[in-house]
PDB file of N, CA and C in Angstrom:
ATOM      1  N   MET A   1     -38.444 -37.163 -52.574  1.00  0.00           N
ATOM      2  CA  MET A   1     -37.533 -37.855 -51.686  1.00  0.00           C
ATOM      3  C   MET A   1     -37.565 -37.181 -50.329  1.00  0.00           C
ATOM      4  N   ALA A   2     -37.588 -37.959 -49.299  1.00  0.00           N
ATOM      5  CA  ALA A   2     -37.700 -37.429 -47.930  1.00  0.00           C
ATOM      6  C   ALA A   2     -36.356 -36.889 -47.465  1.00  0.00           C
ATOM      7  N   GLY A   3     -36.422 -35.860 -46.615  1.00  0.00           N
ATOM      8  CA  GLY A   3     -35.215 -35.267 -46.053  1.00  0.00           C
ATOM      9  C   GLY A   3     -34.698 -36.087 -44.878  1.00  0.00           C
ATOM     10  N   VAL A   4     -33.725 -35.533 -44.176  1.00  0.00           N
ATOM     11  CA  VAL A   4     -33.097 -36.216 -43.053  1.00  0.00           C
ATOM     12  C   VAL A   4     -34.102 -36.535 -41.959  1.00  0.00           C
ATOM     13  N   SER A   5     -35.022 -35.617 -41.702  1.00  0.00           N
ATOM     14  CA  SER A   5     -35.969 -35.820 -40.611  1.00  0.00           C
ATOM     15  C   SER A   5     -37.254 -36.501 -41.062  1.00  0.00           C
ATOM     16  N   GLY A   6     -37.310 -36.900 -42.320  1.00  0.00           N
ATOM     17  CA  GLY A   6     -38.515 -37.570 -42.795  1.00  0.00           C
ATOM     18  C   GLY A   6     -39.512 -36.617 -43.421  1.00  0.00           C
ATOM     19  N   ARG A   7     -39.269 -35.330 -43.403  1.00  0.00           N
ATOM     20  CA  ARG A   7     -40.174 -34.368 -44.017  1.00  0.00           C
ATOM     21  C   ARG A   7     -39.730 -34.120 -45.452  1.00  0.00           C
ATOM     22  N   SER A   8     -40.669 -33.808 -46.299  1.00  0.00           N
ATOM     23  CA  SER A   8     -40.321 -33.562 -47.691  1.00  0.00           C
ATOM     24  C   SER A   8     -39.600 -32.226 -47.821  1.00  0.00           C
ATOM     25  N   GLY A   9     -38.683 -32.159 -48.744  1.00  0.00           N
ATOM     26  CA  GLY A   9     -37.962 -30.912 -48.982  1.00  0.00           C
ATOM     27  C   GLY A   9     -36.816 -30.697 -48.017  1.00  0.00           C
ATOM     28  N   GLY A  10     -36.508 -31.642 -47.163  1.00  0.00           N
ATOM     29  CA  GLY A  10     -35.395 -31.516 -46.233  1.00  0.00           C
ATOM     30  C   GLY A  10     -35.658 -30.581 -45.067  1.00  0.00           C
ATOM     31  N   GLN A  11     -36.896 -30.180 -44.844  1.00  0.00           N
ATOM     32  CA  GLN A  11     -37.215 -29.305 -43.715  1.00  0.00           C
ATOM     33  C   GLN A  11     -37.099 -30.093 -42.415  1.00  0.00           C
ATOM     34  N   ARG A  12     -36.516 -29.442 -41.416  1.00  0.00           N
ATOM     35  CA  ARG A  12     -36.392 -30.075 -40.106  1.00  0.00           C
ATOM     36  C   ARG A  12     -37.241 -29.295 -39.110  1.00  0.00           C
ATOM     37  N   ALA A  13     -37.807 -30.019 -38.171  1.00  0.00           N
ATOM     38  CA  ALA A  13     -38.660 -29.386 -37.157  1.00  0.00           C
ATOM     39  C   ALA A  13     -37.816 -28.480 -36.275  1.00  0.00           C
ATOM     40  N   SER A  14     -38.398 -27.369 -35.870  1.00  0.00           N
ATOM     41  CA  SER A  14     -37.683 -26.459 -34.985  1.00  0.00           C
ATOM     42  C   SER A  14     -37.671 -27.009 -33.563  1.00  0.00           C
ATOM     43  N   VAL A  15     -36.709 -26.542 -32.800  1.00  0.00           N
ATOM     44  CA  VAL A  15     -36.553 -26.966 -31.409  1.00  0.00           C
ATOM     45  C   VAL A  15     -37.049 -25.830 -30.531  1.00  0.00           C
ATOM     46  N   ARG A  16     -37.915 -26.139 -29.593  1.00  0.00           N
ATOM     47  CA  ARG A  16     -38.530 -25.131 -28.721  1.00  0.00           C
ATOM     48  C   ARG A  16     -38.085 -25.330 -27.278  1.00  0.00           C
ATOM     49  N   PRO A  17     -38.285 -24.340 -26.419  1.00  0.00           N
ATOM     50  CA  PRO A  17     -37.999 -24.515 -24.989  1.00  0.00           C
ATOM     51  C   PRO A  17     -38.898 -25.604 -24.389  1.00  0.00           C
ATOM     52  N   PRO A  18     -38.461 -26.248 -23.316  1.00  0.00           N
ATOM     53  CA  PRO A  18     -39.250 -27.310 -22.682  1.00  0.00           C
ATOM     54  C   PRO A  18     -40.385 -26.731 -21.823  1.00  0.00           C
ATOM     55  N   ILE A  19     -41.416 -26.275 -22.467  1.00  0.00           N
ATOM     56  CA  ILE A  19     -42.542 -25.621 -21.799  1.00  0.00           C
ATOM     57  C   ILE A  19     -43.218 -26.522 -20.763  1.00  0.00           C
ATOM     58  N   PRO A  20     -43.339 -27.847 -20.969  1.00  0.00           N
ATOM     59  CA  PRO A  20     -43.979 -28.680 -19.936  1.00  0.00           C
ATOM     60  C   PRO A  20     -43.275 -28.609 -18.573  1.00  0.00           C
ATOM     61  N   LEU A  21     -41.950 -28.501 -18.571  1.00  0.00           N
ATOM     62  CA  LEU A  21     -41.243 -28.368 -17.291  1.00  0.00           C
ATOM     63  C   LEU A  21     -41.567 -27.038 -16.621  1.00  0.00           C
ATOM     64  N   LEU A  22     -41.673 -25.988 -17.419  1.00  0.00           N
ATOM     65  CA  LEU A  22     -42.029 -24.681 -16.879  1.00  0.00           C
ATOM     66  C   LEU A  22     -43.459 -24.684 -16.345  1.00  0.00           C
ATOM     67  N   THR A  23     -44.352 -25.359 -17.045  1.00  0.00           N
ATOM     68  CA  THR A  23     -45.738 -25.466 -16.601  1.00  0.00           C
ATOM     69  C   THR A  23     -45.836 -26.261 -15.296  1.00  0.00           C
ATOM     70  N   ALA A  24     -45.057 -27.326 -15.193  1.00  0.00           N
ATOM     71  CA  ALA A  24     -45.056 -28.126 -13.962  1.00  0.00           C
ATOM     72  C   ALA A  24     -44.526 -27.315 -12.783  1.00  0.00           C
ATOM     73  N   ALA A  25     -43.508 -26.486 -13.016  1.00  0.00           N
ATOM     74  CA  ALA A  25     -42.982 -25.627 -11.949  1.00  0.00           C
ATOM     75  C   ALA A  25     -44.038 -24.616 -11.503  1.00  0.00           C
ATOM     76  N   ALA A  26     -44.760 -24.042 -12.461  1.00  0.00           N
ATOM     77  CA  ALA A  26     -45.829 -23.100 -12.114  1.00  0.00           C
ATOM     78  C   ALA A  26     -46.943 -23.800 -11.342  1.00  0.00           C
ATOM     79  N   ALA A  27     -47.249 -25.033 -11.708  1.00  0.00           N
ATOM     80  CA  ALA A  27     -48.279 -25.794 -10.981  1.00  0.00           C
ATOM     81  C   ALA A  27     -47.828 -26.100  -9.553  1.00  0.00           C
ATOM     82  N   ALA A  28     -46.541 -26.386  -9.375  1.00  0.00           N
ATOM     83  CA  ALA A  28     -46.027 -26.641  -8.022  1.00  0.00           C
ATOM     84  C   ALA A  28     -46.137 -25.386  -7.164  1.00  0.00           C
ATOM     85  N   VAL A  29     -45.824 -24.240  -7.744  1.00  0.00           N
ATOM     86  CA  VAL A  29     -45.950 -22.973  -7.006  1.00  0.00           C
ATOM     87  C   VAL A  29     -47.424 -22.698  -6.685  1.00  0.00           C
ATOM     88  N   ALA A  30     -48.300 -22.963  -7.630  1.00  0.00           N
ATOM     89  CA  ALA A  30     -49.734 -22.765  -7.388  1.00  0.00           C
ATOM     90  C   ALA A  30     -50.239 -23.697  -6.294  1.00  0.00           C
ATOM     91  N   GLY A  31     -49.745 -24.927  -6.284  1.00  0.00           N
ATOM     92  CA  GLY A  31     -50.116 -25.858  -5.216  1.00  0.00           C
ATOM     93  C   GLY A  31     -49.623 -25.385  -3.862  1.00  0.00           C
ATOM     94  N   GLY A  32     -48.405 -24.843  -3.833  1.00  0.00           N
ATOM     95  CA  GLY A  32     -47.887 -24.281  -2.586  1.00  0.00           C
ATOM     96  C   GLY A  32     -48.705 -23.095  -2.121  1.00  0.00           C
ATOM     97  N   ALA A  33     -49.141 -22.271  -3.076  1.00  0.00           N
ATOM     98  CA  ALA A  33     -49.977 -21.117  -2.720  1.00  0.00           C
ATOM     99  C   ALA A  33     -51.326 -21.567  -2.183  1.00  0.00           C
ATOM    100  N   ALA A  34     -51.882 -22.618  -2.767  1.00  0.00           N
ATOM    101  CA  ALA A  34     -53.170 -23.131  -2.292  1.00  0.00           C
ATOM    102  C   ALA A  34     -53.054 -23.683  -0.873  1.00  0.00           C
ATOM    103  N   LEU A  35     -51.903 -24.228  -0.551  1.00  0.00           N
ATOM    104  CA  LEU A  35     -51.710 -24.794   0.786  1.00  0.00           C
ATOM    105  C   LEU A  35     -51.436 -23.733   1.853  1.00  0.00           C
ATOM    106  N   LEU A  36     -51.323 -22.468   1.461  1.00  0.00           N
ATOM    107  CA  LEU A  36     -51.178 -21.402   2.465  1.00  0.00           C
ATOM    108  C   LEU A  36     -52.402 -21.328   3.373  1.00  0.00           C
ATOM    109  N   ALA A  37     -53.545 -21.714   2.835  1.00  0.00           N
ATOM    110  CA  ALA A  37     -54.782 -21.683   3.623  1.00  0.00           C
ATOM    111  C   ALA A  37     -54.926 -22.894   4.535  1.00  0.00           C
ATOM    112  N   ALA A  38     -54.017 -23.851   4.423  1.00  0.00           N
ATOM    113  CA  ALA A  38     -54.101 -25.062   5.241  1.00  0.00           C
ATOM    114  C   ALA A  38     -53.862 -24.715   6.708  1.00  0.00           C
ATOM    115  N   PRO A  39     -54.747 -25.161   7.590  1.00  0.00           N
ATOM    116  CA  PRO A  39     -54.579 -24.847   9.009  1.00  0.00           C
ATOM    117  C   PRO A  39     -53.627 -25.798   9.731  1.00  0.00           C
ATOM    118  N   SER A  40     -53.101 -26.797   9.019  1.00  0.00           N
ATOM    119  CA  SER A  40     -52.285 -27.813   9.696  1.00  0.00           C
ATOM    120  C   SER A  40     -50.795 -27.612   9.445  1.00  0.00           C
ATOM    121  N   PHE A  41     -50.017 -28.143  10.369  1.00  0.00           N
ATOM    122  CA  PHE A  41     -48.561 -28.105  10.255  1.00  0.00           C
ATOM    123  C   PHE A  41     -48.110 -28.865   9.013  1.00  0.00           C
ATOM    124  N   ALA A  42     -48.698 -30.039   8.785  1.00  0.00           N
ATOM    125  CA  ALA A  42     -48.339 -30.873   7.637  1.00  0.00           C
ATOM    126  C   ALA A  42     -48.645 -30.160   6.316  1.00  0.00           C
ATOM    127  N   GLY A  43     -49.731 -29.419   6.286  1.00  0.00           N
ATOM    128  CA  GLY A  43     -50.076 -28.663   5.084  1.00  0.00           C
ATOM    129  C   GLY A  43     -49.034 -27.600   4.764  1.00  0.00           C
ATOM    130  N   HIS A  44     -48.535 -26.938   5.811  1.00  0.00           N
ATOM    131  CA  HIS A  44     -47.510 -25.917   5.590  1.00  0.00           C
ATOM    132  C   HIS A  44     -46.171 -26.538   5.181  1.00  0.00           C
ATOM    133  N   VAL A  45     -45.844 -27.691   5.733  1.00  0.00           N
ATOM    134  CA  VAL A  45     -44.612 -28.370   5.328  1.00  0.00           C
ATOM    135  C   VAL A  45     -44.725 -28.814   3.860  1.00  0.00           C
ATOM    136  N   ALA A  46     -45.872 -29.363   3.495  1.00  0.00           N
ATOM    137  CA  ALA A  46     -46.085 -29.779   2.106  1.00  0.00           C
ATOM    138  C   ALA A  46     -46.029 -28.576   1.167  1.00  0.00           C
ATOM    139  N   GLY A  47     -46.630 -27.464   1.570  1.00  0.00           N
ATOM    140  CA  GLY A  47     -46.587 -26.246   0.758  1.00  0.00           C
ATOM    141  C   GLY A  47     -45.177 -25.714   0.605  1.00  0.00           C
ATOM    142  N   TYR A  48     -44.397 -25.797   1.689  1.00  0.00           N
ATOM    143  CA  TYR A  48     -43.004 -25.363   1.639  1.00  0.00           C
ATOM    144  C   TYR A  48     -42.209 -26.224   0.659  1.00  0.00           C
ATOM    145  N   VAL A  49     -42.385 -27.529   0.744  1.00  0.00           N
ATOM    146  CA  VAL A  49     -41.654 -28.442  -0.140  1.00  0.00           C
ATOM    147  C   VAL A  49     -42.064 -28.218  -1.597  1.00  0.00           C
ATOM    148  N   LEU A  50     -43.360 -28.066  -1.840  1.00  0.00           N
ATOM    149  CA  LEU A  50     -43.834 -27.836  -3.207  1.00  0.00           C
ATOM    150  C   LEU A  50     -43.298 -26.538  -3.795  1.00  0.00           C
ATOM    151  N   SER A  51     -43.410 -25.462  -3.035  1.00  0.00           N
ATOM    152  CA  SER A  51     -43.054 -24.156  -3.589  1.00  0.00           C
ATOM    153  C   SER A  51     -41.560 -23.877  -3.570  1.00  0.00           C
ATOM    154  N   SER A  52     -40.779 -24.699  -2.877  1.00  0.00           N
ATOM    155  CA  SER A  52     -39.333 -24.472  -2.881  1.00  0.00           C
ATOM    156  C   SER A  52     -38.611 -25.599  -3.618  1.00  0.00           C
ATOM    157  N   PHE A  53     -38.511 -26.760  -3.024  1.00  0.00           N
ATOM    158  CA  PHE A  53     -37.722 -27.851  -3.607  1.00  0.00           C
ATOM    159  C   PHE A  53     -38.266 -28.327  -4.945  1.00  0.00           C
ATOM    160  N   VAL A  54     -39.558 -28.592  -5.011  1.00  0.00           N
ATOM    161  CA  VAL A  54     -40.136 -29.129  -6.240  1.00  0.00           C
ATOM    162  C   VAL A  54     -40.100 -28.071  -7.354  1.00  0.00           C
ATOM    163  N   ALA A  55     -40.583 -26.875  -7.059  1.00  0.00           N
ATOM    164  CA  ALA A  55     -40.633 -25.831  -8.097  1.00  0.00           C
ATOM    165  C   ALA A  55     -39.239 -25.445  -8.578  1.00  0.00           C
ATOM    166  N   LEU A  56     -38.308 -25.231  -7.659  1.00  0.00           N
ATOM    167  CA  LEU A  56     -36.968 -24.829  -8.068  1.00  0.00           C
ATOM    168  C   LEU A  56     -36.219 -25.985  -8.738  1.00  0.00           C
ATOM    169  N   GLY A  57     -36.497 -27.209  -8.346  1.00  0.00           N
ATOM    170  CA  GLY A  57     -35.915 -28.359  -9.035  1.00  0.00           C
ATOM    171  C   GLY A  57     -36.405 -28.462 -10.472  1.00  0.00           C
ATOM    172  N   LEU A  58     -37.701 -28.240 -10.663  1.00  0.00           N
ATOM    173  CA  LEU A  58     -38.255 -28.259 -12.022  1.00  0.00           C
ATOM    174  C   LEU A  58     -37.703 -27.098 -12.859  1.00  0.00           C
ATOM    175  N   LEU A  59     -37.526 -25.939 -12.240  1.00  0.00           N
ATOM    176  CA  LEU A  59     -36.930 -24.815 -12.970  1.00  0.00           C
ATOM    177  C   LEU A  59     -35.475 -25.095 -13.328  1.00  0.00           C
ATOM    178  N   GLY A  60     -34.761 -25.783 -12.453  1.00  0.00           N
ATOM    179  CA  GLY A  60     -33.392 -26.181 -12.764  1.00  0.00           C
ATOM    180  C   GLY A  60     -33.348 -27.151 -13.938  1.00  0.00           C
ATOM    181  N   ALA A  61     -34.269 -28.112 -13.942  1.00  0.00           N
ATOM    182  CA  ALA A  61     -34.351 -29.059 -15.055  1.00  0.00           C
ATOM    183  C   ALA A  61     -34.722 -28.326 -16.349  1.00  0.00           C
ATOM    184  N   PHE A  62     -35.642 -27.370 -16.245  1.00  0.00           N
ATOM    185  CA  PHE A  62     -36.015 -26.567 -17.409  1.00  0.00           C
ATOM    186  C   PHE A  62     -34.794 -25.840 -17.970  1.00  0.00           C
ATOM    187  N   THR A  63     -34.013 -25.214 -17.089  1.00  0.00           N
ATOM    188  CA  THR A  63     -32.842 -24.458 -17.532  1.00  0.00           C
ATOM    189  C   THR A  63     -31.818 -25.375 -18.184  1.00  0.00           C
ATOM    190  N   ARG A  64     -31.603 -26.533 -17.600  1.00  0.00           N
ATOM    191  CA  ARG A  64     -30.632 -27.480 -18.161  1.00  0.00           C
ATOM    192  C   ARG A  64     -31.041 -27.928 -19.560  1.00  0.00           C
ATOM    193  N   VAL A  65     -32.288 -28.363 -19.707  1.00  0.00           N
ATOM    194  CA  VAL A  65     -32.769 -28.834 -21.006  1.00  0.00           C
ATOM    195  C   VAL A  65     -32.778 -27.687 -22.016  1.00  0.00           C
ATOM    196  N   ASP A  66     -33.175 -26.504 -21.579  1.00  0.00           N
ATOM    197  CA  ASP A  66     -33.223 -25.354 -22.477  1.00  0.00           C
ATOM    198  C   ASP A  66     -31.821 -24.994 -22.977  1.00  0.00           C
ATOM    199  N   LEU A  67     -30.840 -25.024 -22.101  1.00  0.00           N
ATOM    200  CA  LEU A  67     -29.474 -24.712 -22.525  1.00  0.00           C
ATOM    201  C   LEU A  67     -28.957 -25.737 -23.531  1.00  0.00           C
ATOM    202  N   ILE A  68     -29.288 -26.993 -23.334  1.00  0.00           N
ATOM    203  CA  ILE A  68     -28.888 -28.026 -24.294  1.00  0.00           C
ATOM    204  C   ILE A  68     -29.569 -27.785 -25.631  1.00  0.00           C
ATOM    205  N   ARG A  69     -30.859 -27.446 -25.587  1.00  0.00           N
ATOM    206  CA  ARG A  69     -31.591 -27.206 -26.833  1.00  0.00           C
ATOM    207  C   ARG A  69     -31.111 -25.941 -27.544  1.00  0.00           C
ATOM    208  N   ARG A  70     -30.648 -24.950 -26.802  1.00  0.00           N
ATOM    209  CA  ARG A  70     -30.169 -23.716 -27.425  1.00  0.00           C
ATOM    210  C   ARG A  70     -28.927 -23.935 -28.276  1.00  0.00           C
ATOM    211  N   ALA A  71     -28.201 -24.993 -28.022  1.00  0.00           N
ATOM    212  CA  ALA A  71     -27.018 -25.304 -28.821  1.00  0.00           C
ATOM    213  C   ALA A  71     -27.395 -25.786 -30.221  1.00  0.00           C
ATOM    214  N   ASP A  72     -28.639 -26.187 -30.410  1.00  0.00           N
ATOM    215  CA  ASP A  72     -29.117 -26.655 -31.707  1.00  0.00           C
ATOM    216  C   ASP A  72     -29.407 -25.450 -32.606  1.00  0.00           C
ATOM    217  N   SER A  73     -28.992 -25.540 -33.841  1.00  0.00           N
ATOM    218  CA  SER A  73     -29.199 -24.423 -34.772  1.00  0.00           C
ATOM    219  C   SER A  73     -30.670 -24.220 -35.120  1.00  0.00           C
ATOM    220  N   ARG A  74     -31.513 -25.213 -34.837  1.00  0.00           N
ATOM    221  CA  ARG A  74     -32.949 -25.086 -35.135  1.00  0.00           C
ATOM    222  C   ARG A  74     -33.751 -24.494 -33.980  1.00  0.00           C
ATOM    223  N   TYR A  75     -33.084 -24.103 -32.903  1.00  0.00           N
ATOM    224  CA  TYR A  75     -33.766 -23.586 -31.713  1.00  0.00           C
ATOM    225  C   TYR A  75     -34.527 -22.304 -32.057  1.00  0.00           C
ATOM    226  N   ARG A  76     -35.775 -22.228 -31.616  1.00  0.00           N
ATOM    227  CA  ARG A  76     -36.599 -21.029 -31.808  1.00  0.00           C
ATOM    228  C   ARG A  76     -36.838 -20.397 -30.450  1.00  0.00           C
ATOM    229  N   VAL A  77     -36.430 -19.175 -30.315  1.00  0.00           N
ATOM    230  CA  VAL A  77     -36.537 -18.445 -29.052  1.00  0.00           C
ATOM    231  C   VAL A  77     -38.001 -18.128 -28.758  1.00  0.00           C
ATOM    232  N   ALA A  78     -38.391 -18.306 -27.506  1.00  0.00           N
ATOM    233  CA  ALA A  78     -39.713 -17.910 -27.020  1.00  0.00           C
ATOM    234  C   ALA A  78     -39.478 -16.770 -26.025  1.00  0.00           C
ATOM    235  N   PRO A  79     -39.667 -15.503 -26.450  1.00  0.00           N
ATOM    236  CA  PRO A  79     -39.283 -14.358 -25.616  1.00  0.00           C
ATOM    237  C   PRO A  79     -39.983 -14.305 -24.263  1.00  0.00           C
ATOM    238  N   LEU A  80     -41.194 -14.767 -24.185  1.00  0.00           N
ATOM    239  CA  LEU A  80     -41.935 -14.709 -22.925  1.00  0.00           C
ATOM    240  C   LEU A  80     -41.323 -15.644 -21.877  1.00  0.00           C
ATOM    241  N   VAL A  81     -40.724 -16.727 -22.313  1.00  0.00           N
ATOM    242  CA  VAL A  81     -40.148 -17.712 -21.395  1.00  0.00           C
ATOM    243  C   VAL A  81     -39.034 -17.087 -20.567  1.00  0.00           C
ATOM    244  N   ARG A  82     -38.271 -16.196 -21.147  1.00  0.00           N
ATOM    245  CA  ARG A  82     -37.171 -15.557 -20.415  1.00  0.00           C
ATOM    246  C   ARG A  82     -37.677 -14.721 -19.253  1.00  0.00           C
ATOM    247  N   ARG A  83     -38.920 -14.285 -19.315  1.00  0.00           N
ATOM    248  CA  ARG A  83     -39.501 -13.478 -18.232  1.00  0.00           C
ATOM    249  C   ARG A  83     -40.304 -14.317 -17.251  1.00  0.00           C
ATOM    250  N   VAL A  84     -40.865 -15.405 -17.722  1.00  0.00           N
ATOM    251  CA  VAL A  84     -41.745 -16.229 -16.882  1.00  0.00           C
ATOM    252  C   VAL A  84     -40.954 -17.054 -15.873  1.00  0.00           C
ATOM    253  N   ALA A  85     -39.852 -17.652 -16.297  1.00  0.00           N
ATOM    254  CA  ALA A  85     -39.082 -18.531 -15.408  1.00  0.00           C
ATOM    255  C   ALA A  85     -38.606 -17.802 -14.146  1.00  0.00           C
ATOM    256  N   PRO A  86     -38.001 -16.608 -14.232  1.00  0.00           N
ATOM    257  CA  PRO A  86     -37.609 -15.913 -12.999  1.00  0.00           C
ATOM    258  C   PRO A  86     -38.805 -15.493 -12.142  1.00  0.00           C
ATOM    259  N   ALA A  87     -39.923 -15.177 -12.776  1.00  0.00           N
ATOM    260  CA  ALA A  87     -41.120 -14.810 -12.014  1.00  0.00           C
ATOM    261  C   ALA A  87     -41.641 -16.004 -11.224  1.00  0.00           C
ATOM    262  N   ILE A  88     -41.618 -17.181 -11.831  1.00  0.00           N
ATOM    263  CA  ILE A  88     -42.039 -18.395 -11.124  1.00  0.00           C
ATOM    264  C   ILE A  88     -41.108 -18.663  -9.948  1.00  0.00           C
ATOM    265  N   ALA A  89     -39.806 -18.497 -10.160  1.00  0.00           N
ATOM    266  CA  ALA A  89     -38.829 -18.724  -9.087  1.00  0.00           C
ATOM    267  C   ALA A  89     -39.048 -17.746  -7.934  1.00  0.00           C
ATOM    268  N   ALA A  90     -39.227 -16.473  -8.246  1.00  0.00           N
ATOM    269  CA  ALA A  90     -39.424 -15.471  -7.192  1.00  0.00           C
ATOM    270  C   ALA A  90     -40.726 -15.715  -6.434  1.00  0.00           C
ATOM    271  N   THR A  91     -41.778 -16.069  -7.147  1.00  0.00           N
ATOM    272  CA  THR A  91     -43.056 -16.356  -6.496  1.00  0.00           C
ATOM    273  C   THR A  91     -42.942 -17.590  -5.604  1.00  0.00           C
ATOM    274  N   GLY A  92     -42.259 -18.609  -6.082  1.00  0.00           N
ATOM    275  CA  GLY A  92     -42.066 -19.816  -5.275  1.00  0.00           C
ATOM    276  C   GLY A  92     -41.305 -19.540  -3.997  1.00  0.00           C
ATOM    277  N   ILE A  93     -40.268 -18.718  -4.089  1.00  0.00           N
ATOM    278  CA  ILE A  93     -39.484 -18.373  -2.903  1.00  0.00           C
ATOM    279  C   ILE A  93     -40.328 -17.563  -1.918  1.00  0.00           C
ATOM    280  N   ALA A  94     -41.138 -16.642  -2.422  1.00  0.00           N
ATOM    281  CA  ALA A  94     -41.998 -15.841  -1.548  1.00  0.00           C
ATOM    282  C   ALA A  94     -43.030 -16.716  -0.836  1.00  0.00           C
ATOM    283  N   ILE A  95     -43.623 -17.643  -1.568  1.00  0.00           N
ATOM    284  CA  ILE A  95     -44.618 -18.528  -0.960  1.00  0.00           C
ATOM    285  C   ILE A  95     -43.950 -19.467   0.045  1.00  0.00           C
ATOM    286  N   ALA A  96     -42.750 -19.946  -0.272  1.00  0.00           N
ATOM    287  CA  ALA A  96     -42.009 -20.783   0.672  1.00  0.00           C
ATOM    288  C   ALA A  96     -41.714 -20.012   1.953  1.00  0.00           C
ATOM    289  N   ALA A  97     -41.382 -18.730   1.823  1.00  0.00           N
ATOM    290  CA  ALA A  97     -41.114 -17.908   3.010  1.00  0.00           C
ATOM    291  C   ALA A  97     -42.365 -17.775   3.881  1.00  0.00           C
ATOM    292  N   LEU A  98     -43.518 -17.634   3.258  1.00  0.00           N
ATOM    293  CA  LEU A  98     -44.765 -17.558   4.028  1.00  0.00           C
ATOM    294  C   LEU A  98     -45.037 -18.874   4.755  1.00  0.00           C
ATOM    295  N   HIS A  99     -44.729 -19.982   4.109  1.00  0.00           N
ATOM    296  CA  HIS A  99     -44.898 -21.280   4.772  1.00  0.00           C
ATOM    297  C   HIS A  99     -43.921 -21.419   5.937  1.00  0.00           C
ATOM    298  N   VAL A 100     -42.695 -20.967   5.756  1.00  0.00           N
ATOM    299  CA  VAL A 100     -41.710 -21.031   6.834  1.00  0.00           C
ATOM    300  C   VAL A 100     -42.181 -20.199   8.014  1.00  0.00           C
ATOM    301  N   TRP A 101     -42.772 -19.045   7.732  1.00  0.00           N
ATOM    302  CA  TRP A 101     -43.295 -18.192   8.801  1.00  0.00           C
ATOM    303  C   TRP A 101     -44.378 -18.933   9.580  1.00  0.00           C
ATOM    304  N   SER A 102     -45.292 -19.581   8.871  1.00  0.00           N
ATOM    305  CA  SER A 102     -46.355 -20.338   9.539  1.00  0.00           C
ATOM    306  C   SER A 102     -45.817 -21.521  10.319  1.00  0.00           C
ATOM    307  N   ILE A 103     -44.822 -22.197   9.767  1.00  0.00           N
ATOM    308  CA  ILE A 103     -44.209 -23.330  10.480  1.00  0.00           C
ATOM    309  C   ILE A 103     -43.511 -22.849  11.736  1.00  0.00           C
ATOM    310  N   ALA A 104     -42.758 -21.757  11.634  1.00  0.00           N
ATOM    311  CA  ALA A 104     -42.046 -21.228  12.790  1.00  0.00           C
ATOM    312  C   ALA A 104     -43.022 -20.743  13.867  1.00  0.00           C
ATOM    313  N   THR A 105     -44.115 -20.113  13.458  1.00  0.00           N
ATOM    314  CA  THR A 105     -45.115 -19.652  14.402  1.00  0.00           C
ATOM    315  C   THR A 105     -45.738 -20.832  15.143  1.00  0.00           C
ATOM    316  N   GLU A 106     -46.018 -21.896  14.415  1.00  0.00           N
ATOM    317  CA  GLU A 106     -46.618 -23.063  15.053  1.00  0.00           C
ATOM    318  C   GLU A 106     -45.629 -23.762  15.992  1.00  0.00           C
ATOM    319  N   LEU A 107     -44.369 -23.824  15.610  1.00  0.00           N
ATOM    320  CA  LEU A 107     -43.375 -24.450  16.477  1.00  0.00           C
ATOM    321  C   LEU A 107     -43.087 -23.610  17.728  1.00  0.00           C
ATOM    322  N   ALA A 108     -43.198 -22.291  17.603  1.00  0.00           N
ATOM    323  CA  ALA A 108     -42.939 -21.421  18.739  1.00  0.00           C
ATOM    324  C   ALA A 108     -44.083 -21.417  19.747  1.00  0.00           C
ATOM    325  N   GLY A 109     -45.276 -21.752  19.271  1.00  0.00           N
ATOM    326  CA  GLY A 109     -46.450 -21.678  20.136  1.00  0.00           C
ATOM    327  C   GLY A 109     -46.761 -22.867  20.894  1.00  0.00           C
TER     328      GLY A 109
END
């Protein structure tokens, strides 16, 4: 006889952190870092938006979903995630600051 979740023996699938949101935030930061080499004003604005608004928005969504999932008794902790999310945020802020510096330099010149 099938259990509540459809698995035999009543086993239920574990709940994990929303890794795709964390991966998307890391990709946004990487895209912002790649745009540091852009010689154009538009490239620096795009890099700033990617590494600040997009990355931090995705990290906020990750935190929200993760907190909701942590309330479930089947939640399985991923210890590395607790260290990766703040590192992505700090890297995104640093890259955004470099873009702001380039934007300010171009506007001043």
